[in-house]
Amino acid sequence: MFCPRCQSILIPKKIGKKTQMTCSCGYKEKNKVTLIMEEKVENKGKKIEVVDKKVETLPKTKEDCPKCRNHEAYYWLVQTRAADEAATRFFKCSKCSHTWRAY
């Protein structure tokens, strides 16, 4: 429901014992309107499988892990210092999950 004056959305507000739809511009709905909002979720007997597996969405690059010597790692950039300096590159080994950084 929208305000006829300013076209903003009307918000329910409790005034005394009744609830009226009101607007920030001062408009109050004169008619009492009953609103019912429902949401149905149907499962129909299907089991929901929860998979406890971490999915990496970071890009991969060829970088040697200092811990396990694997040749592949995920990477991301973070601006850790001043804006006029280069960003810090972080790496995470795709095999052992060891994390390190390069400046």
PDB file of N, CA and C in Angstrom:
ATOM      1  N   MET A   1       0.841  -1.169   0.000  1.00  0.00           N
ATOM      2  CA  MET A   1       0.000   0.000   0.000  1.00  0.00           C
ATOM      3  C   MET A   1       0.888   1.234   0.000  1.00  0.00           C
ATOM      4  N   PHE A   2       0.462   2.218  -0.791  1.00  0.00           N
ATOM      5  CA  PHE A   2       1.263   3.420  -0.949  1.00  0.00           C
ATOM      6  C   PHE A   2       0.455   4.661  -0.582  1.00  0.00           C
ATOM      7  N   CYS A   3       1.149   5.675  -0.138  1.00  0.00           N
ATOM      8  CA  CYS A   3       0.539   6.943   0.268  1.00  0.00           C
ATOM      9  C   CYS A   3      -0.010   7.661  -0.966  1.00  0.00           C
ATOM     10  N   PRO A   4      -1.277   8.133  -0.922  1.00  0.00           N
ATOM     11  CA  PRO A   4      -1.816   8.857  -2.067  1.00  0.00           C
ATOM     12  C   PRO A   4      -1.213  10.244  -2.234  1.00  0.00           C
ATOM     13  N   ARG A   5      -0.611  10.796  -1.179  1.00  0.00           N
ATOM     14  CA  ARG A   5      -0.005  12.129  -1.250  1.00  0.00           C
ATOM     15  C   ARG A   5       1.395  12.100  -1.874  1.00  0.00           C
ATOM     16  N   CYS A   6       2.285  11.286  -1.261  1.00  0.00           N
ATOM     17  CA  CYS A   6       3.704  11.325  -1.662  1.00  0.00           C
ATOM     18  C   CYS A   6       4.189  10.037  -2.324  1.00  0.00           C
ATOM     19  N   GLN A   7       3.338   9.032  -2.438  1.00  0.00           N
ATOM     20  CA  GLN A   7       3.647   7.754  -3.074  1.00  0.00           C
ATOM     21  C   GLN A   7       4.675   6.911  -2.318  1.00  0.00           C
ATOM     22  N   SER A   8       4.926   7.224  -1.038  1.00  0.00           N
ATOM     23  CA  SER A   8       5.808   6.401  -0.201  1.00  0.00           C
ATOM     24  C   SER A   8       5.030   5.199   0.297  1.00  0.00           C
ATOM     25  N   ILE A   9       5.746   4.196   0.775  1.00  0.00           N
ATOM     26  CA  ILE A   9       5.084   2.999   1.291  1.00  0.00           C
ATOM     27  C   ILE A   9       4.483   3.305   2.664  1.00  0.00           C
ATOM     28  N   LEU A  10       3.276   2.806   2.895  1.00  0.00           N
ATOM     29  CA  LEU A  10       2.617   3.000   4.180  1.00  0.00           C
ATOM     30  C   LEU A  10       3.111   1.965   5.182  1.00  0.00           C
ATOM     31  N   ILE A  11       3.277   2.403   6.435  1.00  0.00           N
ATOM     32  CA  ILE A  11       3.818   1.554   7.485  1.00  0.00           C
ATOM     33  C   ILE A  11       2.762   1.394   8.571  1.00  0.00           C
ATOM     34  N   PRO A  12       2.525   0.171   9.059  1.00  0.00           N
ATOM     35  CA  PRO A  12       1.547   0.010  10.139  1.00  0.00           C
ATOM     36  C   PRO A  12       2.068   0.607  11.442  1.00  0.00           C
ATOM     37  N   LYS A  13       1.191   1.371  12.103  1.00  0.00           N
ATOM     38  CA  LYS A  13       1.571   2.025  13.351  1.00  0.00           C
ATOM     39  C   LYS A  13       0.424   1.876  14.331  1.00  0.00           C
ATOM     40  N   LYS A  14       0.752   1.495  15.559  1.00  0.00           N
ATOM     41  CA  LYS A  14      -0.270   1.286  16.584  1.00  0.00           C
ATOM     42  C   LYS A  14      -0.617   2.639  17.189  1.00  0.00           C
ATOM     43  N   ILE A  15      -1.896   3.022  17.052  1.00  0.00           N
ATOM     44  CA  ILE A  15      -2.399   4.277  17.618  1.00  0.00           C
ATOM     45  C   ILE A  15      -3.518   3.906  18.574  1.00  0.00           C
ATOM     46  N   GLY A  16      -3.229   4.021  19.863  1.00  0.00           N
ATOM     47  CA  GLY A  16      -4.197   3.583  20.871  1.00  0.00           C
ATOM     48  C   GLY A  16      -4.310   2.074  20.837  1.00  0.00           C
ATOM     49  N   LYS A  17      -5.553   1.583  20.648  1.00  0.00           N
ATOM     50  CA  LYS A  17      -5.764   0.140  20.603  1.00  0.00           C
ATOM     51  C   LYS A  17      -5.834  -0.389  19.166  1.00  0.00           C
ATOM     52  N   LYS A  18      -5.865   0.512  18.183  1.00  0.00           N
ATOM     53  CA  LYS A  18      -5.976   0.038  16.814  1.00  0.00           C
ATOM     54  C   LYS A  18      -4.704   0.357  16.029  1.00  0.00           C
ATOM     55  N   THR A  19      -4.549  -0.345  14.949  1.00  0.00           N
ATOM     56  CA  THR A  19      -3.389  -0.171  14.089  1.00  0.00           C
ATOM     57  C   THR A  19      -3.827   0.522  12.801  1.00  0.00           C
ATOM     58  N   GLN A  20      -3.120   1.601  12.458  1.00  0.00           N
ATOM     59  CA  GLN A  20      -3.415   2.332  11.235  1.00  0.00           C
ATOM     60  C   GLN A  20      -2.200   2.317  10.333  1.00  0.00           C
ATOM     61  N   MET A  21      -2.465   2.411   9.045  1.00  0.00           N
ATOM     62  CA  MET A  21      -1.385   2.544   8.074  1.00  0.00           C
ATOM     63  C   MET A  21      -1.037   4.022   7.984  1.00  0.00           C
ATOM     64  N   THR A  22       0.234   4.357   8.253  1.00  0.00           N
ATOM     65  CA  THR A  22       0.660   5.752   8.273  1.00  0.00           C
ATOM     66  C   THR A  22       1.842   5.966   7.335  1.00  0.00           C
ATOM     67  N   CYS A  23       2.076   7.221   7.023  1.00  0.00           N
ATOM     68  CA  CYS A  23       3.187   7.608   6.145  1.00  0.00           C
ATOM     69  C   CYS A  23       4.065   8.606   6.873  1.00  0.00           C
ATOM     70  N   SER A  24       5.292   8.761   6.436  1.00  0.00           N
ATOM     71  CA  SER A  24       6.216   9.714   7.058  1.00  0.00           C
ATOM     72  C   SER A  24       5.814  11.161   6.776  1.00  0.00           C
ATOM     73  N   CYS A  25       4.972  11.385   5.752  1.00  0.00           N
ATOM     74  CA  CYS A  25       4.527  12.749   5.442  1.00  0.00           C
ATOM     75  C   CYS A  25       3.374  13.191   6.348  1.00  0.00           C
ATOM     76  N   GLY A  26       2.849  12.260   7.176  1.00  0.00           N
ATOM     77  CA  GLY A  26       1.774  12.593   8.101  1.00  0.00           C
ATOM     78  C   GLY A  26       0.427  12.016   7.715  1.00  0.00           C
ATOM     79  N   TYR A  27       0.318  11.424   6.549  1.00  0.00           N
ATOM     80  CA  TYR A  27      -0.935  10.830   6.093  1.00  0.00           C
ATOM     81  C   TYR A  27      -1.265   9.601   6.922  1.00  0.00           C
ATOM     82  N   LYS A  28      -2.564   9.468   7.285  1.00  0.00           N
ATOM     83  CA  LYS A  28      -3.045   8.290   8.011  1.00  0.00           C
ATOM     84  C   LYS A  28      -4.221   7.703   7.251  1.00  0.00           C
ATOM     85  N   GLU A  29      -4.203   6.394   7.033  1.00  0.00           N
ATOM     86  CA  GLU A  29      -5.289   5.690   6.348  1.00  0.00           C
ATOM     87  C   GLU A  29      -6.512   5.695   7.264  1.00  0.00           C
ATOM     88  N   LYS A  30      -7.667   6.125   6.759  1.00  0.00           N
ATOM     89  CA  LYS A  30      -8.880   6.210   7.571  1.00  0.00           C
ATOM     90  C   LYS A  30      -9.555   4.859   7.712  1.00  0.00           C
ATOM     91  N   ASN A  31      -9.542   4.063   6.677  1.00  0.00           N
ATOM     92  CA  ASN A  31     -10.180   2.751   6.718  1.00  0.00           C
ATOM     93  C   ASN A  31      -9.275   1.761   7.423  1.00  0.00           C
ATOM     94  N   LYS A  32      -9.890   0.941   8.269  1.00  0.00           N
ATOM     95  CA  LYS A  32      -9.122  -0.089   8.944  1.00  0.00           C
ATOM     96  C   LYS A  32      -8.928  -1.241   7.966  1.00  0.00           C
ATOM     97  N   VAL A  33      -7.685  -1.571   7.692  1.00  0.00           N
ATOM     98  CA  VAL A  33      -7.361  -2.620   6.740  1.00  0.00           C
ATOM     99  C   VAL A  33      -6.693  -3.759   7.495  1.00  0.00           C
ATOM    100  N   THR A  34      -7.164  -4.951   7.249  1.00  0.00           N
ATOM    101  CA  THR A  34      -6.552  -6.119   7.871  1.00  0.00           C
ATOM    102  C   THR A  34      -5.597  -6.748   6.872  1.00  0.00           C
ATOM    103  N   LEU A  35      -4.341  -6.819   7.246  1.00  0.00           N
ATOM    104  CA  LEU A  35      -3.328  -7.418   6.380  1.00  0.00           C
ATOM    105  C   LEU A  35      -2.861  -8.726   6.976  1.00  0.00           C
ATOM    106  N   ILE A  36      -2.828  -9.749   6.150  1.00  0.00           N
ATOM    107  CA  ILE A  36      -2.313 -11.044   6.580  1.00  0.00           C
ATOM    108  C   ILE A  36      -1.239 -11.452   5.593  1.00  0.00           C
ATOM    109  N   MET A  37      -0.058 -11.679   6.116  1.00  0.00           N
ATOM    110  CA  MET A  37       1.047 -12.124   5.267  1.00  0.00           C
ATOM    111  C   MET A  37       1.393 -13.548   5.640  1.00  0.00           C
ATOM    112  N   GLU A  38       1.411 -14.433   4.653  1.00  0.00           N
ATOM    113  CA  GLU A  38       1.714 -15.825   4.888  1.00  0.00           C
ATOM    114  C   GLU A  38       2.804 -16.294   3.939  1.00  0.00           C
ATOM    115  N   GLU A  39       3.532 -17.287   4.394  1.00  0.00           N
ATOM    116  CA  GLU A  39       4.558 -17.903   3.553  1.00  0.00           C
ATOM    117  C   GLU A  39       4.473 -19.401   3.760  1.00  0.00           C
ATOM    118  N   LYS A  40       4.350 -20.129   2.668  1.00  0.00           N
ATOM    119  CA  LYS A  40       4.270 -21.585   2.742  1.00  0.00           C
ATOM    120  C   LYS A  40       5.564 -22.183   2.235  1.00  0.00           C
ATOM    121  N   VAL A  41       6.046 -23.165   2.959  1.00  0.00           N
ATOM    122  CA  VAL A  41       7.229 -23.903   2.539  1.00  0.00           C
ATOM    123  C   VAL A  41       6.818 -25.364   2.427  1.00  0.00           C
ATOM    124  N   GLU A  42       6.944 -25.885   1.225  1.00  0.00           N
ATOM    125  CA  GLU A  42       6.564 -27.273   1.005  1.00  0.00           C
ATOM    126  C   GLU A  42       7.808 -28.118   0.813  1.00  0.00           C
ATOM    127  N   ASN A  43       7.899 -29.180   1.577  1.00  0.00           N
ATOM    128  CA  ASN A  43       9.043 -30.074   1.490  1.00  0.00           C
ATOM    129  C   ASN A  43       8.662 -31.369   0.778  1.00  0.00           C
ATOM    130  N   LYS A  44       7.430 -31.779   0.907  1.00  0.00           N
ATOM    131  CA  LYS A  44       6.888 -32.984   0.278  1.00  0.00           C
ATOM    132  C   LYS A  44       7.733 -34.233   0.537  1.00  0.00           C
ATOM    133  N   GLY A  45       8.236 -34.377   1.741  1.00  0.00           N
ATOM    134  CA  GLY A  45       8.954 -35.582   2.128  1.00  0.00           C
ATOM    135  C   GLY A  45      10.370 -35.688   1.605  1.00  0.00           C
ATOM    136  N   LYS A  46      10.860 -34.692   0.911  1.00  0.00           N
ATOM    137  CA  LYS A  46      12.232 -34.731   0.403  1.00  0.00           C
ATOM    138  C   LYS A  46      13.197 -34.433   1.541  1.00  0.00           C
ATOM    139  N   LYS A  47      14.263 -35.205   1.594  1.00  0.00           N
ATOM    140  CA  LYS A  47      15.279 -34.981   2.617  1.00  0.00           C
ATOM    141  C   LYS A  47      16.244 -33.911   2.120  1.00  0.00           C
ATOM    142  N   ILE A  48      16.634 -33.030   3.029  1.00  0.00           N
ATOM    143  CA  ILE A  48      17.595 -31.986   2.709  1.00  0.00           C
ATOM    144  C   ILE A  48      18.961 -32.471   3.141  1.00  0.00           C
ATOM    145  N   GLU A  49      19.870 -32.519   2.197  1.00  0.00           N
ATOM    146  CA  GLU A  49      21.213 -33.004   2.484  1.00  0.00           C
ATOM    147  C   GLU A  49      22.123 -31.814   2.766  1.00  0.00           C
ATOM    148  N   VAL A  50      22.758 -31.853   3.920  1.00  0.00           N
ATOM    149  CA  VAL A  50      23.692 -30.801   4.305  1.00  0.00           C
ATOM    150  C   VAL A  50      25.098 -31.308   4.021  1.00  0.00           C
ATOM    151  N   VAL A  51      25.801 -30.590   3.182  1.00  0.00           N
ATOM    152  CA  VAL A  51      27.150 -30.981   2.811  1.00  0.00           C
ATOM    153  C   VAL A  51      28.115 -30.055   3.530  1.00  0.00           C
ATOM    154  N   ASP A  52      28.962 -30.635   4.357  1.00  0.00           N
ATOM    155  CA  ASP A  52      29.941 -29.850   5.107  1.00  0.00           C
ATOM    156  C   ASP A  52      31.256 -29.854   4.330  1.00  0.00           C
ATOM    157  N   LYS A  53      31.246 -29.151   3.214  1.00  0.00           N
ATOM    158  CA  LYS A  53      32.423 -29.099   2.361  1.00  0.00           C
ATOM    159  C   LYS A  53      32.682 -27.645   2.002  1.00  0.00           C
ATOM    160  N   LYS A  54      33.915 -27.211   2.190  1.00  0.00           N
ATOM    161  CA  LYS A  54      34.264 -25.844   1.884  1.00  0.00           C
ATOM    162  C   LYS A  54      34.528 -25.717   0.387  1.00  0.00           C
ATOM    163  N   VAL A  55      33.837 -24.797  -0.250  1.00  0.00           N
ATOM    164  CA  VAL A  55      33.996 -24.569  -1.678  1.00  0.00           C
ATOM    165  C   VAL A  55      34.754 -23.265  -1.866  1.00  0.00           C
ATOM    166  N   GLU A  56      35.913 -23.350  -2.485  1.00  0.00           N
ATOM    167  CA  GLU A  56      36.714 -22.155  -2.729  1.00  0.00           C
ATOM    168  C   GLU A  56      36.271 -21.503  -4.028  1.00  0.00           C
ATOM    169  N   THR A  57      36.024 -20.211  -3.972  1.00  0.00           N
ATOM    170  CA  THR A  57      35.639 -19.470  -5.162  1.00  0.00           C
ATOM    171  C   THR A  57      36.735 -18.506  -5.605  1.00  0.00           C
ATOM    172  N   LEU A  58      37.874 -18.566  -4.935  1.00  0.00           N
ATOM    173  CA  LEU A  58      38.991 -17.690  -5.275  1.00  0.00           C
ATOM    174  C   LEU A  58      39.717 -18.207  -6.513  1.00  0.00           C
ATOM    175  N   PRO A  59      40.364 -17.324  -7.258  1.00  0.00           N
ATOM    176  CA  PRO A  59      41.143 -17.780  -8.416  1.00  0.00           C
ATOM    177  C   PRO A  59      42.409 -18.509  -7.982  1.00  0.00           C
ATOM    178  N   LYS A  60      42.908 -19.402  -8.854  1.00  0.00           N
ATOM    179  CA  LYS A  60      44.133 -20.156  -8.563  1.00  0.00           C
ATOM    180  C   LYS A  60      45.284 -19.619  -9.399  1.00  0.00           C
ATOM    181  N   THR A  61      46.475 -19.812  -8.868  1.00  0.00           N
ATOM    182  CA  THR A  61      47.685 -19.427  -9.588  1.00  0.00           C
ATOM    183  C   THR A  61      48.788 -20.435  -9.279  1.00  0.00           C
ATOM    184  N   LYS A  62      49.849 -20.407 -10.059  1.00  0.00           N
ATOM    185  CA  LYS A  62      51.001 -21.274  -9.803  1.00  0.00           C
ATOM    186  C   LYS A  62      51.923 -20.544  -8.838  1.00  0.00           C
ATOM    187  N   GLU A  63      51.956 -21.032  -7.608  1.00  0.00           N
ATOM    188  CA  GLU A  63      52.780 -20.449  -6.543  1.00  0.00           C
ATOM    189  C   GLU A  63      53.211 -21.582  -5.634  1.00  0.00           C
ATOM    190  N   ASP A  64      54.472 -21.603  -5.228  1.00  0.00           N
ATOM    191  CA  ASP A  64      54.998 -22.669  -4.379  1.00  0.00           C
ATOM    192  C   ASP A  64      54.645 -22.423  -2.914  1.00  0.00           C
ATOM    193  N   CYS A  65      54.031 -23.420  -2.287  1.00  0.00           N
ATOM    194  CA  CYS A  65      53.683 -23.347  -0.865  1.00  0.00           C
ATOM    195  C   CYS A  65      54.962 -23.543  -0.047  1.00  0.00           C
ATOM    196  N   PRO A  66      55.262 -22.643   0.899  1.00  0.00           N
ATOM    197  CA  PRO A  66      56.471 -22.801   1.706  1.00  0.00           C
ATOM    198  C   PRO A  66      56.374 -23.960   2.705  1.00  0.00           C
ATOM    199  N   LYS A  67      55.179 -24.459   2.958  1.00  0.00           N
ATOM    200  CA  LYS A  67      55.002 -25.527   3.933  1.00  0.00           C
ATOM    201  C   LYS A  67      55.068 -26.917   3.298  1.00  0.00           C
ATOM    202  N   CYS A  68      54.274 -27.169   2.248  1.00  0.00           N
ATOM    203  CA  CYS A  68      54.208 -28.523   1.682  1.00  0.00           C
ATOM    204  C   CYS A  68      54.779 -28.610   0.258  1.00  0.00           C
ATOM    205  N   ARG A  69      55.254 -27.509  -0.274  1.00  0.00           N
ATOM    206  CA  ARG A  69      55.863 -27.440  -1.610  1.00  0.00           C
ATOM    207  C   ARG A  69      54.889 -27.747  -2.748  1.00  0.00           C
ATOM    208  N   ASN A  70      53.595 -27.609  -2.483  1.00  0.00           N
ATOM    209  CA  ASN A  70      52.600 -27.749  -3.540  1.00  0.00           C
ATOM    210  C   ASN A  70      52.768 -26.572  -4.507  1.00  0.00           C
ATOM    211  N   HIS A  71      52.437 -26.752  -5.767  1.00  0.00           N
ATOM    212  CA  HIS A  71      52.696 -25.724  -6.777  1.00  0.00           C
ATOM    213  C   HIS A  71      51.447 -24.942  -7.184  1.00  0.00           C
ATOM    214  N   GLU A  72      50.367 -25.056  -6.412  1.00  0.00           N
ATOM    215  CA  GLU A  72      49.136 -24.364  -6.763  1.00  0.00           C
ATOM    216  C   GLU A  72      48.533 -23.729  -5.516  1.00  0.00           C
ATOM    217  N   ALA A  73      48.057 -22.472  -5.651  1.00  0.00           N
ATOM    218  CA  ALA A  73      47.494 -21.762  -4.501  1.00  0.00           C
ATOM    219  C   ALA A  73      46.388 -20.813  -4.954  1.00  0.00           C
ATOM    220  N   TYR A  74      45.449 -20.571  -4.044  1.00  0.00           N
ATOM    221  CA  TYR A  74      44.439 -19.545  -4.265  1.00  0.00           C
ATOM    222  C   TYR A  74      45.068 -18.212  -3.909  1.00  0.00           C
ATOM    223  N   TYR A  75      44.573 -17.118  -4.492  1.00  0.00           N
ATOM    224  CA  TYR A  75      45.133 -15.815  -4.150  1.00  0.00           C
ATOM    225  C   TYR A  75      44.045 -14.751  -4.099  1.00  0.00           C
ATOM    226  N   TRP A  76      44.338 -13.668  -3.348  1.00  0.00           N
ATOM    227  CA  TRP A  76      43.477 -12.489  -3.299  1.00  0.00           C
ATOM    228  C   TRP A  76      44.335 -11.301  -2.917  1.00  0.00           C
ATOM    229  N   LEU A  77      43.870 -10.105  -3.218  1.00  0.00           N
ATOM    230  CA  LEU A  77      44.598  -8.866  -2.955  1.00  0.00           C
ATOM    231  C   LEU A  77      43.870  -8.049  -1.904  1.00  0.00           C
ATOM    232  N   VAL A  78      44.647  -7.426  -0.982  1.00  0.00           N
ATOM    233  CA  VAL A  78      44.080  -6.548   0.040  1.00  0.00           C
ATOM    234  C   VAL A  78      44.948  -5.304   0.122  1.00  0.00           C
ATOM    235  N   GLN A  79      44.300  -4.142   0.156  1.00  0.00           N
ATOM    236  CA  GLN A  79      45.030  -2.875   0.293  1.00  0.00           C
ATOM    237  C   GLN A  79      45.285  -2.659   1.778  1.00  0.00           C
ATOM    238  N   THR A  80      46.461  -3.100   2.283  1.00  0.00           N
ATOM    239  CA  THR A  80      46.754  -3.034   3.715  1.00  0.00           C
ATOM    240  C   THR A  80      47.498  -1.771   4.113  1.00  0.00           C
ATOM    241  N   ARG A  81      48.080  -1.099   3.144  1.00  0.00           N
ATOM    242  CA  ARG A  81      48.842   0.121   3.441  1.00  0.00           C
ATOM    243  C   ARG A  81      48.185   1.309   2.754  1.00  0.00           C
ATOM    244  N   ALA A  82      48.921   2.375   2.566  1.00  0.00           N
ATOM    245  CA  ALA A  82      48.387   3.592   1.949  1.00  0.00           C
ATOM    246  C   ALA A  82      47.932   3.314   0.512  1.00  0.00           C
ATOM    247  N   ALA A  83      47.057   4.148   0.022  1.00  0.00           N
ATOM    248  CA  ALA A  83      46.478   3.945  -1.309  1.00  0.00           C
ATOM    249  C   ALA A  83      47.519   4.088  -2.424  1.00  0.00           C
ATOM    250  N   ASP A  84      48.588   4.826  -2.179  1.00  0.00           N
ATOM    251  CA  ASP A  84      49.596   5.004  -3.225  1.00  0.00           C
ATOM    252  C   ASP A  84      50.632   3.871  -3.255  1.00  0.00           C
ATOM    253  N   GLU A  85      50.515   2.906  -2.359  1.00  0.00           N
ATOM    254  CA  GLU A  85      51.423   1.760  -2.332  1.00  0.00           C
ATOM    255  C   GLU A  85      50.715   0.529  -2.893  1.00  0.00           C
ATOM    256  N   ALA A  86      51.485  -0.446  -3.295  1.00  0.00           N
ATOM    257  CA  ALA A  86      50.941  -1.661  -3.900  1.00  0.00           C
ATOM    258  C   ALA A  86      50.131  -2.478  -2.883  1.00  0.00           C
ATOM    259  N   ALA A  87      49.162  -3.214  -3.379  1.00  0.00           N
ATOM    260  CA  ALA A  87      48.342  -4.065  -2.520  1.00  0.00           C
ATOM    261  C   ALA A  87      49.138  -5.292  -2.074  1.00  0.00           C
ATOM    262  N   THR A  88      48.735  -5.875  -0.935  1.00  0.00           N
ATOM    263  CA  THR A  88      49.374  -7.085  -0.429  1.00  0.00           C
ATOM    264  C   THR A  88      48.678  -8.290  -1.046  1.00  0.00           C
ATOM    265  N   ARG A  89      49.454  -9.239  -1.575  1.00  0.00           N
ATOM    266  CA  ARG A  89      48.912 -10.460  -2.159  1.00  0.00           C
ATOM    267  C   ARG A  89      48.920 -11.548  -1.099  1.00  0.00           C
ATOM    268  N   PHE A  90      47.777 -12.173  -0.890  1.00  0.00           N
ATOM    269  CA  PHE A  90      47.657 -13.290   0.037  1.00  0.00           C
ATOM    270  C   PHE A  90      47.479 -14.562  -0.771  1.00  0.00           C
ATOM    271  N   PHE A  91      48.094 -15.651  -0.295  1.00  0.00           N
ATOM    272  CA  PHE A  91      48.003 -16.952  -0.952  1.00  0.00           C
ATOM    273  C   PHE A  91      47.526 -17.984   0.056  1.00  0.00           C
ATOM    274  N   LYS A  92      46.778 -18.980  -0.438  1.00  0.00           N
ATOM    275  CA  LYS A  92      46.325 -20.095   0.390  1.00  0.00           C
ATOM    276  C   LYS A  92      46.544 -21.361  -0.422  1.00  0.00           C
ATOM    277  N   CYS A  93      47.336 -22.261   0.122  1.00  0.00           N
ATOM    278  CA  CYS A  93      47.680 -23.497  -0.571  1.00  0.00           C
ATOM    279  C   CYS A  93      46.412 -24.307  -0.846  1.00  0.00           C
ATOM    280  N   SER A  94      46.288 -24.821  -2.056  1.00  0.00           N
ATOM    281  CA  SER A  94      45.117 -25.617  -2.426  1.00  0.00           C
ATOM    282  C   SER A  94      45.168 -27.030  -1.841  1.00  0.00           C
ATOM    283  N   LYS A  95      46.340 -27.425  -1.324  1.00  0.00           N
ATOM    284  CA  LYS A  95      46.485 -28.771  -0.757  1.00  0.00           C
ATOM    285  C   LYS A  95      46.401 -28.762   0.768  1.00  0.00           C
ATOM    286  N   CYS A  96      47.237 -27.961   1.437  1.00  0.00           N
ATOM    287  CA  CYS A  96      47.305 -27.989   2.909  1.00  0.00           C
ATOM    288  C   CYS A  96      46.636 -26.793   3.582  1.00  0.00           C
ATOM    289  N   SER A  97      46.116 -25.853   2.821  1.00  0.00           N
ATOM    290  CA  SER A  97      45.422 -24.655   3.314  1.00  0.00           C
ATOM    291  C   SER A  97      46.305 -23.691   4.089  1.00  0.00           C
ATOM    292  N   HIS A  98      47.623 -23.814   3.954  1.00  0.00           N
ATOM    293  CA  HIS A  98      48.553 -22.869   4.575  1.00  0.00           C
ATOM    294  C   HIS A  98      48.382 -21.500   3.902  1.00  0.00           C
ATOM    295  N   THR A  99      48.356 -20.433   4.707  1.00  0.00           N
ATOM    296  CA  THR A  99      48.166 -19.080   4.170  1.00  0.00           C
ATOM    297  C   THR A  99      49.423 -18.261   4.420  1.00  0.00           C
ATOM    298  N   TRP A 100      49.849 -17.510   3.391  1.00  0.00           N
ATOM    299  CA  TRP A 100      50.988 -16.610   3.515  1.00  0.00           C
ATOM    300  C   TRP A 100      50.744 -15.398   2.636  1.00  0.00           C
ATOM    301  N   ARG A 101      51.630 -14.406   2.766  1.00  0.00           N
ATOM    302  CA  ARG A 101      51.454 -13.182   1.973  1.00  0.00           C
ATOM    303  C   ARG A 101      52.736 -12.790   1.288  1.00  0.00           C
ATOM    304  N   ALA A 102      52.572 -11.996   0.244  1.00  0.00           N
ATOM    305  CA  ALA A 102      53.708 -11.461  -0.502  1.00  0.00           C
ATOM    306  C   ALA A 102      53.454  -9.965  -0.687  1.00  0.00           C
ATOM    307  N   TYR A 103      54.467  -9.182  -0.473  1.00  0.00           N
ATOM    308  CA  TYR A 103      54.314  -7.720  -0.572  1.00  0.00           C
ATOM    309  C   TYR A 103      54.662  -7.241  -1.954  1.00  0.00           C
TER     310      TYR A 103
END
